[in-house]
N, C-alpha and C. Protein backbone atom coordinates (compact mmCIF):
# COMPACT_ATOMS: atom_id res chain seq x y z
N MET A 1 158.79 89.01 94.38
CA MET A 1 157.64 89.94 94.69
C MET A 1 156.35 89.31 95.21
N SER A 2 156.21 89.82 96.20
CA SER A 2 154.81 89.07 96.93
C SER A 2 153.35 89.90 96.61
N ALA A 3 152.12 89.30 96.12
CA ALA A 3 150.86 90.13 95.71
C ALA A 3 150.39 90.78 97.13
N PRO A 4 150.07 91.69 96.20
CA PRO A 4 149.03 92.65 96.87
C PRO A 4 148.13 92.54 98.05
N THR A 5 147.90 93.05 99.00
CA THR A 5 147.24 93.00 99.98
C THR A 5 146.02 93.97 100.03
N LEU A 6 144.90 93.17 99.87
CA LEU A 6 143.92 94.53 99.61
C LEU A 6 143.46 95.04 101.31
N SER A 7 143.08 96.12 101.29
CA SER A 7 142.65 96.79 102.85
C SER A 7 141.36 96.05 102.62
N PRO A 8 140.83 96.55 103.82
CA PRO A 8 139.28 95.74 104.25
C PRO A 8 138.55 96.83 103.02
N ALA A 9 138.65 98.10 103.23
CA ALA A 9 137.99 98.83 102.44
C ALA A 9 137.43 98.40 100.89
N ASP A 10 138.41 98.16 100.40
CA ASP A 10 138.91 97.40 98.83
C ASP A 10 138.80 95.94 98.95
N ALA A 11 138.63 95.14 100.01
CA ALA A 11 138.09 93.61 100.11
C ALA A 11 136.59 93.95 99.80
N ALA A 12 135.69 94.86 100.60
CA ALA A 12 134.30 94.79 100.23
C ALA A 12 134.03 95.10 99.23
N ALA A 13 134.62 96.15 98.71
CA ALA A 13 134.37 96.97 97.36
C ALA A 13 134.13 95.40 96.24
N HIS A 14 135.51 94.90 96.17
CA HIS A 14 135.30 93.86 95.92
C HIS A 14 134.61 92.61 95.73
N ALA A 15 133.84 92.39 96.68
CA ALA A 15 132.99 91.65 97.16
C ALA A 15 131.36 91.73 96.50
N ALA A 16 131.51 93.20 97.16
CA ALA A 16 130.27 93.69 96.08
C ALA A 16 129.95 93.73 94.99
N ALA A 17 131.46 93.49 94.26
CA ALA A 17 131.13 94.02 92.84
C ALA A 17 131.38 92.62 92.13
N SER A 18 131.89 91.91 92.79
CA SER A 18 131.86 90.34 92.34
C SER A 18 130.07 89.45 92.37
N PHE A 19 129.74 90.10 93.43
CA PHE A 19 128.22 89.43 93.89
C PHE A 19 127.32 89.33 92.08
N VAL A 20 127.28 88.85 91.95
CA VAL A 20 126.09 88.69 91.02
C VAL A 20 124.69 87.85 91.29
N ARG A 21 124.11 89.05 91.37
CA ARG A 21 122.13 88.66 91.86
C ARG A 21 121.45 87.97 90.65
N ARG A 22 121.10 86.88 90.58
CA ARG A 22 120.07 86.09 89.73
C ARG A 22 119.26 85.73 90.51
N ARG A 23 118.06 85.19 89.42
CA ARG A 23 115.99 84.86 89.45
C ARG A 23 116.53 83.25 88.81
N ILE A 24 116.02 82.77 89.31
CA ILE A 24 116.17 81.40 89.08
C ILE A 24 114.69 81.31 88.33
N LEU A 25 114.68 80.82 87.36
CA LEU A 25 113.05 80.82 86.89
C LEU A 25 113.03 78.87 86.06
N HIS A 26 113.95 77.88 86.34
CA HIS A 26 113.87 76.51 85.80
C HIS A 26 114.90 76.29 86.53
N ARG A 27 114.90 74.91 86.86
CA ARG A 27 115.99 73.63 87.75
C ARG A 27 115.42 72.84 87.02
N THR A 28 116.67 71.88 86.29
CA THR A 28 116.33 70.65 85.75
C THR A 28 117.72 69.56 86.65
N PRO A 29 117.54 68.79 87.37
CA PRO A 29 118.57 67.86 87.56
C PRO A 29 119.18 67.11 86.31
N ALA A 30 120.83 67.17 86.89
CA ALA A 30 122.04 66.88 85.59
C ALA A 30 121.80 65.67 85.25
N SER A 31 120.89 64.58 86.24
CA SER A 31 120.94 63.58 85.91
C SER A 31 119.51 63.30 85.20
N HIS A 32 119.37 64.24 84.51
CA HIS A 32 118.29 64.21 83.65
C HIS A 32 118.45 63.26 82.22
N PRO A 33 117.38 62.18 82.06
CA PRO A 33 118.61 61.34 80.69
C PRO A 33 118.80 62.12 79.58
N ARG A 34 118.36 63.40 79.20
CA ARG A 34 118.35 64.55 78.49
C ARG A 34 119.43 65.16 79.14
N GLY A 35 119.69 65.38 80.03
CA GLY A 35 120.93 66.39 80.34
C GLY A 35 120.81 67.73 80.25
N SER A 36 121.43 68.79 79.76
CA SER A 36 120.93 69.73 79.60
C SER A 36 119.49 70.67 79.08
N TRP A 37 119.35 69.70 78.01
CA TRP A 37 118.52 69.79 77.11
C TRP A 37 117.28 70.52 77.40
N PRO A 38 116.68 70.09 78.23
CA PRO A 38 114.79 70.77 78.95
C PRO A 38 115.54 72.04 79.66
N ALA A 39 116.71 72.53 79.84
CA ALA A 39 116.90 73.50 80.85
C ALA A 39 117.32 73.79 79.37
N ASP A 40 117.68 73.93 78.57
CA ASP A 40 118.30 75.09 77.14
C ASP A 40 117.10 75.38 76.67
N GLU A 41 115.73 74.01 76.10
CA GLU A 41 114.44 74.30 75.73
C GLU A 41 114.10 75.82 76.88
N PHE A 42 113.95 75.24 77.37
CA PHE A 42 112.99 76.21 78.30
C PHE A 42 113.76 78.08 78.24
N ALA A 43 115.26 77.95 78.48
CA ALA A 43 116.01 78.93 78.02
C ALA A 43 115.29 79.75 77.26
N ALA A 44 115.51 78.78 75.77
CA ALA A 44 115.23 79.49 74.33
C ALA A 44 113.70 79.54 74.33
N GLU A 45 112.58 79.01 75.05
CA GLU A 45 111.63 79.45 75.09
C GLU A 45 111.51 81.05 75.68
N ARG A 46 112.17 80.85 76.98
CA ARG A 46 111.75 82.15 77.61
C ARG A 46 112.79 84.01 76.80
N ARG A 47 113.72 83.04 75.86
CA ARG A 47 114.52 83.95 75.18
C ARG A 47 113.31 84.80 74.10
N ARG A 48 112.32 83.86 73.50
CA ARG A 48 111.76 83.91 72.52
C ARG A 48 110.81 84.92 72.54
N GLU A 49 110.32 84.88 74.10
CA GLU A 49 109.59 85.92 74.97
C GLU A 49 109.97 87.05 75.13
N GLY A 50 111.30 87.55 74.87
CA GLY A 50 112.15 88.56 75.13
C GLY A 50 113.06 88.49 76.62
N VAL A 51 113.06 87.40 77.30
CA VAL A 51 113.78 87.30 78.68
C VAL A 51 114.99 86.92 78.25
N PRO A 52 115.46 87.93 78.58
CA PRO A 52 117.45 87.11 78.46
C PRO A 52 117.82 85.94 79.62
N ALA A 53 117.18 85.09 79.38
CA ALA A 53 117.52 83.71 80.23
C ALA A 53 118.59 82.83 79.83
N GLU A 54 119.45 82.43 80.59
CA GLU A 54 121.05 81.31 80.15
C GLU A 54 120.81 80.42 81.00
N VAL A 55 121.35 78.98 80.73
CA VAL A 55 121.42 78.45 81.48
C VAL A 55 123.08 78.00 81.99
N VAL A 56 122.51 77.67 83.74
CA VAL A 56 124.15 77.92 83.97
C VAL A 56 124.32 76.08 84.48
N MET A 57 125.41 75.42 85.21
CA MET A 57 125.61 74.79 85.78
C MET A 57 125.74 75.16 87.45
N ASP A 58 124.78 74.14 88.59
CA ASP A 58 125.35 74.63 89.22
C ASP A 58 125.31 73.11 90.05
N LEU A 59 126.85 73.29 90.35
CA LEU A 59 128.35 72.42 90.73
C LEU A 59 127.24 71.64 92.28
N ALA A 60 126.91 72.40 93.07
CA ALA A 60 126.56 72.47 94.79
C ALA A 60 125.24 71.32 94.74
N SER A 61 123.99 71.91 93.62
CA SER A 61 123.04 71.19 93.59
C SER A 61 122.81 70.08 92.15
N ASP A 62 124.01 69.88 91.41
CA ASP A 62 123.84 69.06 90.68
C ASP A 62 122.59 69.11 89.56
N SER A 63 122.76 70.49 89.38
CA SER A 63 121.51 70.83 88.79
C SER A 63 122.01 71.91 87.30
N PHE A 64 121.08 71.85 86.25
CA PHE A 64 120.88 73.03 85.31
C PHE A 64 120.06 73.96 85.73
N LEU A 65 120.48 75.44 85.88
CA LEU A 65 119.37 76.46 85.89
C LEU A 65 119.40 77.41 85.33
N VAL A 66 117.95 77.71 84.66
CA VAL A 66 117.85 78.82 84.10
C VAL A 66 117.68 79.92 84.89
N ILE A 67 118.48 80.74 84.51
CA ILE A 67 118.38 82.46 85.42
C ILE A 67 118.08 83.64 84.45
N VAL A 68 117.71 84.53 85.22
CA VAL A 68 118.42 85.85 84.57
C VAL A 68 118.79 86.76 85.59
N ARG A 69 119.94 87.44 85.38
CA ARG A 69 120.68 88.18 85.98
C ARG A 69 119.42 89.23 86.73
N ALA A 70 119.11 89.77 88.10
CA ALA A 70 118.90 90.70 88.74
C ALA A 70 118.50 92.05 88.18
N GLY A 71 117.84 92.85 88.16
CA GLY A 71 117.24 93.96 87.10
C GLY A 71 117.13 93.72 86.23
N VAL A 72 117.05 92.05 85.92
CA VAL A 72 116.30 92.24 84.13
C VAL A 72 114.86 91.37 84.71
N SER A 73 114.14 92.10 83.53
CA SER A 73 113.23 92.15 84.04
C SER A 73 112.04 90.44 83.20
N ALA A 74 111.74 89.66 84.26
CA ALA A 74 111.13 88.33 83.84
C ALA A 74 109.23 87.90 83.51
């Protein structure tokens, strides 16, 4: 059985739905002596303020990012 092929319209809809907009609040290099802790601490402070911040690893820049999803007030 072969894999289904998406029409151009379906592929565009999938790409649009898969794209997650985010706002970067803080960046910590992955080479930081304390690892992700500075980013984790920054995110925890934002969450105490009511901002739904989360930490993600950006492999392209080799950094830990503190982000909020687009549409969420920061």
